Amino acid sequence: MIIPMIGLFEIIALLLAILGLVMSFICFSHIGKLNKKLADARKETHLLVKALRNETHAMGSGAIGVGQRLVEVEKRLNSTMERQMEFEQRDPGSLPYAYAVRLVEMGATAEDLINNCGLARVEAELITLVHSELKSKKDHPSQEERYALN
């Protein structure tokens, strides 16, 4: 019986086949690990998207609440302004004084108040004096007011 001799080429081919088999097992193992990482990343992404949806919903609900509150405040402001107008119209004696104060705030003099509002000189001078005092206190507060705790 003749034992066939394994030649150098056959040994190299056998070694390459074994090396290829080992490499394929390593690749399949690596692919399995990558698939697991991919699945974990998908789960984490899904959880983050869900958390962002919840936060967006909460912010939307909060914005709606703020909007409703703003509408209520606007209604109250309009109501207050209407009552203010009614009050000013009911008391015609106070209308020249309110107009005079507005004119003084825009820079009118006592003489302007006498001519435009029909006020007596003493009244016009008193309004301009009070306004100038208030303006000077606002522009230059005293040390006590400047350092007062609010």
C-alpha atoms as a PDB file:
ATOM      1  CA  MET A   1       0.000   0.000   0.000  1.00  0.00           C
ATOM      2  CA  ILE A   2       1.201   3.393  -0.919  1.00  0.00           C
ATOM      3  CA  ILE A   3       0.660   6.269   1.415  1.00  0.00           C
ATOM      4  CA  PRO A   4       0.192   9.337  -0.565  1.00  0.00           C
ATOM      5  CA  MET A   5       2.557  12.059   0.309  1.00  0.00           C
ATOM      6  CA  ILE A   6       1.010  15.307   1.100  1.00  0.00           C
ATOM      7  CA  GLY A   7       2.755  17.938  -0.811  1.00  0.00           C
ATOM      8  CA  LEU A   8       3.626  21.478   0.128  1.00  0.00           C
ATOM      9  CA  PHE A   9       0.792  22.911  -1.933  1.00  0.00           C
ATOM     10  CA  GLU A  10      -1.754  20.696  -0.222  1.00  0.00           C
ATOM     11  CA  ILE A  11      -0.504  21.751   3.249  1.00  0.00           C
ATOM     12  CA  ILE A  12      -0.689  25.407   2.294  1.00  0.00           C
ATOM     13  CA  ALA A  13      -4.200  24.902   0.903  1.00  0.00           C
ATOM     14  CA  LEU A  14      -5.259  23.079   4.078  1.00  0.00           C
ATOM     15  CA  LEU A  15      -3.817  25.845   6.249  1.00  0.00           C
ATOM     16  CA  LEU A  16      -5.550  28.516   4.176  1.00  0.00           C
ATOM     17  CA  ALA A  17      -8.840  26.626   4.470  1.00  0.00           C
ATOM     18  CA  ILE A  18      -8.454  26.384   8.267  1.00  0.00           C
ATOM     19  CA  LEU A  19      -7.472  30.071   8.420  1.00  0.00           C
ATOM     20  CA  GLY A  20     -10.520  30.983   6.319  1.00  0.00           C
ATOM     21  CA  LEU A  21     -12.771  28.906   8.594  1.00  0.00           C
ATOM     22  CA  VAL A  22     -11.337  30.621  11.716  1.00  0.00           C
ATOM     23  CA  MET A  23     -11.717  34.056  10.105  1.00  0.00           C
ATOM     24  CA  SER A  24     -15.343  33.340   9.181  1.00  0.00           C
ATOM     25  CA  PHE A  25     -16.116  32.348  12.798  1.00  0.00           C
ATOM     26  CA  ILE A  26     -14.472  35.580  14.014  1.00  0.00           C
ATOM     27  CA  CYS A  27     -16.451  37.614  11.467  1.00  0.00           C
ATOM     28  CA  PHE A  28     -19.751  35.979  12.435  1.00  0.00           C
ATOM     29  CA  SER A  29     -18.981  36.621  16.096  1.00  0.00           C
ATOM     30  CA  HIS A  30     -18.168  40.263  15.325  1.00  0.00           C
ATOM     31  CA  ILE A  31     -21.350  40.637  13.225  1.00  0.00           C
ATOM     32  CA  GLY A  32     -23.388  39.254  16.148  1.00  0.00           C
ATOM     33  CA  LYS A  33     -21.858  41.836  18.515  1.00  0.00           C
ATOM     34  CA  LEU A  34     -22.542  44.650  16.035  1.00  0.00           C
ATOM     35  CA  ASN A  35     -26.162  43.522  15.629  1.00  0.00           C
ATOM     36  CA  LYS A  36     -26.581  43.608  19.422  1.00  0.00           C
ATOM     37  CA  LYS A  37     -25.096  47.123  19.586  1.00  0.00           C
ATOM     38  CA  LEU A  38     -27.395  48.211  16.758  1.00  0.00           C
ATOM     39  CA  ALA A  39     -30.441  46.826  18.570  1.00  0.00           C
ATOM     40  CA  ASP A  40     -29.388  48.607  21.788  1.00  0.00           C
ATOM     41  CA  ALA A  41     -28.894  51.863  19.882  1.00  0.00           C
ATOM     42  CA  ARG A  42     -32.346  51.528  18.310  1.00  0.00           C
ATOM     43  CA  LYS A  43     -33.925  50.970  21.733  1.00  0.00           C
ATOM     44  CA  GLU A  44     -32.124  54.006  23.163  1.00  0.00           C
ATOM     45  CA  THR A  45     -33.123  56.148  20.176  1.00  0.00           C
ATOM     46  CA  HIS A  46     -36.735  55.018  20.552  1.00  0.00           C
ATOM     47  CA  LEU A  47     -36.697  55.939  24.248  1.00  0.00           C
ATOM     48  CA  LEU A  48     -35.177  59.366  23.483  1.00  0.00           C
ATOM     49  CA  VAL A  49     -37.777  60.062  20.800  1.00  0.00           C
ATOM     50  CA  LYS A  50     -40.533  59.072  23.218  1.00  0.00           C
ATOM     51  CA  ALA A  51     -39.092  61.350  25.929  1.00  0.00           C
ATOM     52  CA  LEU A  52     -38.865  64.248  23.453  1.00  0.00           C
ATOM     53  CA  ARG A  53     -42.473  63.698  22.385  1.00  0.00           C
ATOM     54  CA  ASN A  54     -43.573  63.817  26.022  1.00  0.00           C
ATOM     55  CA  GLU A  55     -41.613  67.013  26.644  1.00  0.00           C
ATOM     56  CA  THR A  56     -42.974  68.608  23.472  1.00  0.00           C
ATOM     57  CA  HIS A  57     -46.502  67.691  24.517  1.00  0.00           C
ATOM     58  CA  ALA A  58     -45.929  69.153  27.981  1.00  0.00           C
ATOM     59  CA  MET A  59     -44.540  72.366  26.499  1.00  0.00           C
ATOM     60  CA  GLY A  60     -47.478  72.620  24.098  1.00  0.00           C
ATOM     61  CA  SER A  61     -49.937  72.157  26.936  1.00  0.00           C
ATOM     62  CA  GLY A  62     -48.118  74.797  28.974  1.00  0.00           C
ATOM     63  CA  ALA A  63     -48.162  77.216  26.049  1.00  0.00           C
ATOM     64  CA  ILE A  64     -51.883  76.681  25.614  1.00  0.00           C
ATOM     65  CA  GLY A  65     -52.388  77.405  29.319  1.00  0.00           C
ATOM     66  CA  VAL A  66     -50.332  80.588  29.090  1.00  0.00           C
ATOM     67  CA  GLY A  67     -52.279  81.635  25.999  1.00  0.00           C
ATOM     68  CA  GLN A  68     -55.600  81.143  27.765  1.00  0.00           C
ATOM     69  CA  ARG A  69     -54.324  83.085  30.765  1.00  0.00           C
ATOM     70  CA  LEU A  70     -53.161  85.874  28.466  1.00  0.00           C
ATOM     71  CA  VAL A  71     -56.598  86.046  26.841  1.00  0.00           C
ATOM     72  CA  GLU A  72     -58.193  86.332  30.301  1.00  0.00           C
ATOM     73  CA  VAL A  73     -55.805  89.122  31.292  1.00  0.00           C
ATOM     74  CA  GLU A  74     -56.482  90.931  28.026  1.00  0.00           C
ATOM     75  CA  LYS A  75     -60.239  90.737  28.638  1.00  0.00           C
ATOM     76  CA  ARG A  76     -59.785  92.128  32.150  1.00  0.00           C
ATOM     77  CA  LEU A  77     -57.577  94.918  30.809  1.00  0.00           C
ATOM     78  CA  ASN A  78     -60.147  95.865  28.177  1.00  0.00           C
ATOM     79  CA  SER A  79     -62.887  95.831  30.796  1.00  0.00           C
ATOM     80  CA  THR A  80     -60.805  98.028  33.082  1.00  0.00           C
ATOM     81  CA  MET A  81     -60.057 100.447  30.260  1.00  0.00           C
ATOM     82  CA  GLU A  82     -63.779 100.683  29.422  1.00  0.00           C
ATOM     83  CA  ARG A  83     -64.616 101.393  33.058  1.00  0.00           C
ATOM     84  CA  GLN A  84     -61.858 104.021  33.158  1.00  0.00           C
ATOM     85  CA  MET A  85     -63.317 105.725  30.089  1.00  0.00           C
ATOM     86  CA  GLU A  86     -66.809 105.622  31.602  1.00  0.00           C
ATOM     87  CA  PHE A  87     -65.475 107.080  34.827  1.00  0.00           C
ATOM     88  CA  GLU A  88     -63.737 109.903  33.003  1.00  0.00           C
ATOM     89  CA  GLN A  89     -66.871 110.642  30.997  1.00  0.00           C
ATOM     90  CA  ARG A  90     -69.053 110.708  34.139  1.00  0.00           C
ATOM     91  CA  ASP A  91     -66.841 113.275  35.888  1.00  0.00           C
ATOM     92  CA  PRO A  92     -66.455 116.095  33.359  1.00  0.00           C
ATOM     93  CA  GLY A  93     -64.734 118.290  35.961  1.00  0.00           C
ATOM     94  CA  SER A  94     -61.707 116.031  36.139  1.00  0.00           C
ATOM     95  CA  LEU A  95     -61.254 115.837  32.367  1.00  0.00           C
ATOM     96  CA  PRO A  96     -59.408 119.183  32.001  1.00  0.00           C
ATOM     97  CA  TYR A  97     -57.034 118.193  34.791  1.00  0.00           C
ATOM     98  CA  ALA A  98     -56.232 114.820  33.210  1.00  0.00           C
ATOM     99  CA  TYR A  99     -55.697 116.540  29.872  1.00  0.00           C
ATOM    100  CA  ALA A 100     -53.541 119.189  31.536  1.00  0.00           C
ATOM    101  CA  VAL A 101     -51.350 116.537  33.181  1.00  0.00           C
ATOM    102  CA  ARG A 102     -50.867 114.830  29.810  1.00  0.00           C
ATOM    103  CA  LEU A 103     -49.897 118.159  28.238  1.00  0.00           C
ATOM    104  CA  VAL A 104     -47.393 118.888  31.009  1.00  0.00           C
ATOM    105  CA  GLU A 105     -45.888 115.416  30.542  1.00  0.00           C
ATOM    106  CA  MET A 106     -45.383 116.315  26.877  1.00  0.00           C
ATOM    107  CA  GLY A 107     -43.629 119.560  27.875  1.00  0.00           C
ATOM    108  CA  ALA A 108     -46.403 122.170  28.029  1.00  0.00           C
ATOM    109  CA  THR A 109     -45.958 125.281  30.172  1.00  0.00           C
ATOM    110  CA  ALA A 110     -48.413 126.838  32.613  1.00  0.00           C
ATOM    111  CA  GLU A 111     -49.361 129.389  29.946  1.00  0.00           C
ATOM    112  CA  ASP A 112     -50.219 126.551  27.530  1.00  0.00           C
ATOM    113  CA  LEU A 113     -52.469 124.990  30.175  1.00  0.00           C
ATOM    114  CA  ILE A 114     -54.298 128.263  30.730  1.00  0.00           C
ATOM    115  CA  ASN A 115     -54.918 128.696  26.996  1.00  0.00           C
ATOM    116  CA  ASN A 116     -55.780 125.072  26.102  1.00  0.00           C
ATOM    117  CA  CYS A 117     -57.546 123.719  29.198  1.00  0.00           C
ATOM    118  CA  GLY A 118     -59.239 126.828  30.556  1.00  0.00           C
ATOM    119  CA  LEU A 119     -57.553 126.520  33.949  1.00  0.00           C
ATOM    120  CA  ALA A 120     -56.844 129.351  36.285  1.00  0.00           C
ATOM    121  CA  ARG A 121     -53.231 130.532  36.478  1.00  0.00           C
ATOM    122  CA  VAL A 122     -52.836 129.142  40.001  1.00  0.00           C
ATOM    123  CA  GLU A 123     -54.127 125.717  38.929  1.00  0.00           C
ATOM    124  CA  ALA A 124     -51.862 125.617  35.875  1.00  0.00           C
ATOM    125  CA  GLU A 125     -48.798 126.630  37.883  1.00  0.00           C
ATOM    126  CA  LEU A 126     -49.612 124.055  40.574  1.00  0.00           C
ATOM    127  CA  ILE A 127     -49.873 121.230  38.003  1.00  0.00           C
ATOM    128  CA  THR A 128     -46.570 122.207  36.332  1.00  0.00           C
ATOM    129  CA  LEU A 129     -44.856 122.544  39.722  1.00  0.00           C
ATOM    130  CA  VAL A 130     -46.038 119.129  40.918  1.00  0.00           C
ATOM    131  CA  HIS A 131     -45.027 117.530  37.632  1.00  0.00           C
ATOM    132  CA  SER A 132     -41.560 119.116  37.709  1.00  0.00           C
ATOM    133  CA  GLU A 133     -41.052 117.914  41.314  1.00  0.00           C
ATOM    134  CA  LEU A 134     -42.105 114.377  40.407  1.00  0.00           C
ATOM    135  CA  LYS A 135     -39.831 114.405  37.367  1.00  0.00           C
ATOM    136  CA  SER A 136     -36.834 115.673  39.350  1.00  0.00           C
ATOM    137  CA  LYS A 137     -37.369 113.011  42.025  1.00  0.00           C
ATOM    138  CA  LYS A 138     -37.594 110.335  39.342  1.00  0.00           C
ATOM    139  CA  ASP A 139     -34.438 111.586  37.589  1.00  0.00           C
ATOM    140  CA  HIS A 140     -32.436 112.169  40.798  1.00  0.00           C
ATOM    141  CA  PRO A 141     -33.634 109.947  43.654  1.00  0.00           C
ATOM    142  CA  SER A 142     -32.435 110.726  47.145  1.00  0.00           C
ATOM    143  CA  GLN A 143     -29.765 108.512  48.690  1.00  0.00           C
ATOM    144  CA  GLU A 144     -32.347 106.831  50.902  1.00  0.00           C
ATOM    145  CA  GLU A 145     -34.523 105.946  47.885  1.00  0.00           C
ATOM    146  CA  ARG A 146     -31.519 104.919  45.796  1.00  0.00           C
ATOM    147  CA  TYR A 147     -30.326 102.370  48.357  1.00  0.00           C
ATOM    148  CA  ALA A 148     -33.700 101.243  49.651  1.00  0.00           C
ATOM    149  CA  LEU A 149     -34.460  97.545  49.465  1.00  0.00           C
ATOM    150  CA  ASN A 150     -37.432  96.770  47.276  1.00  0.00           C
END
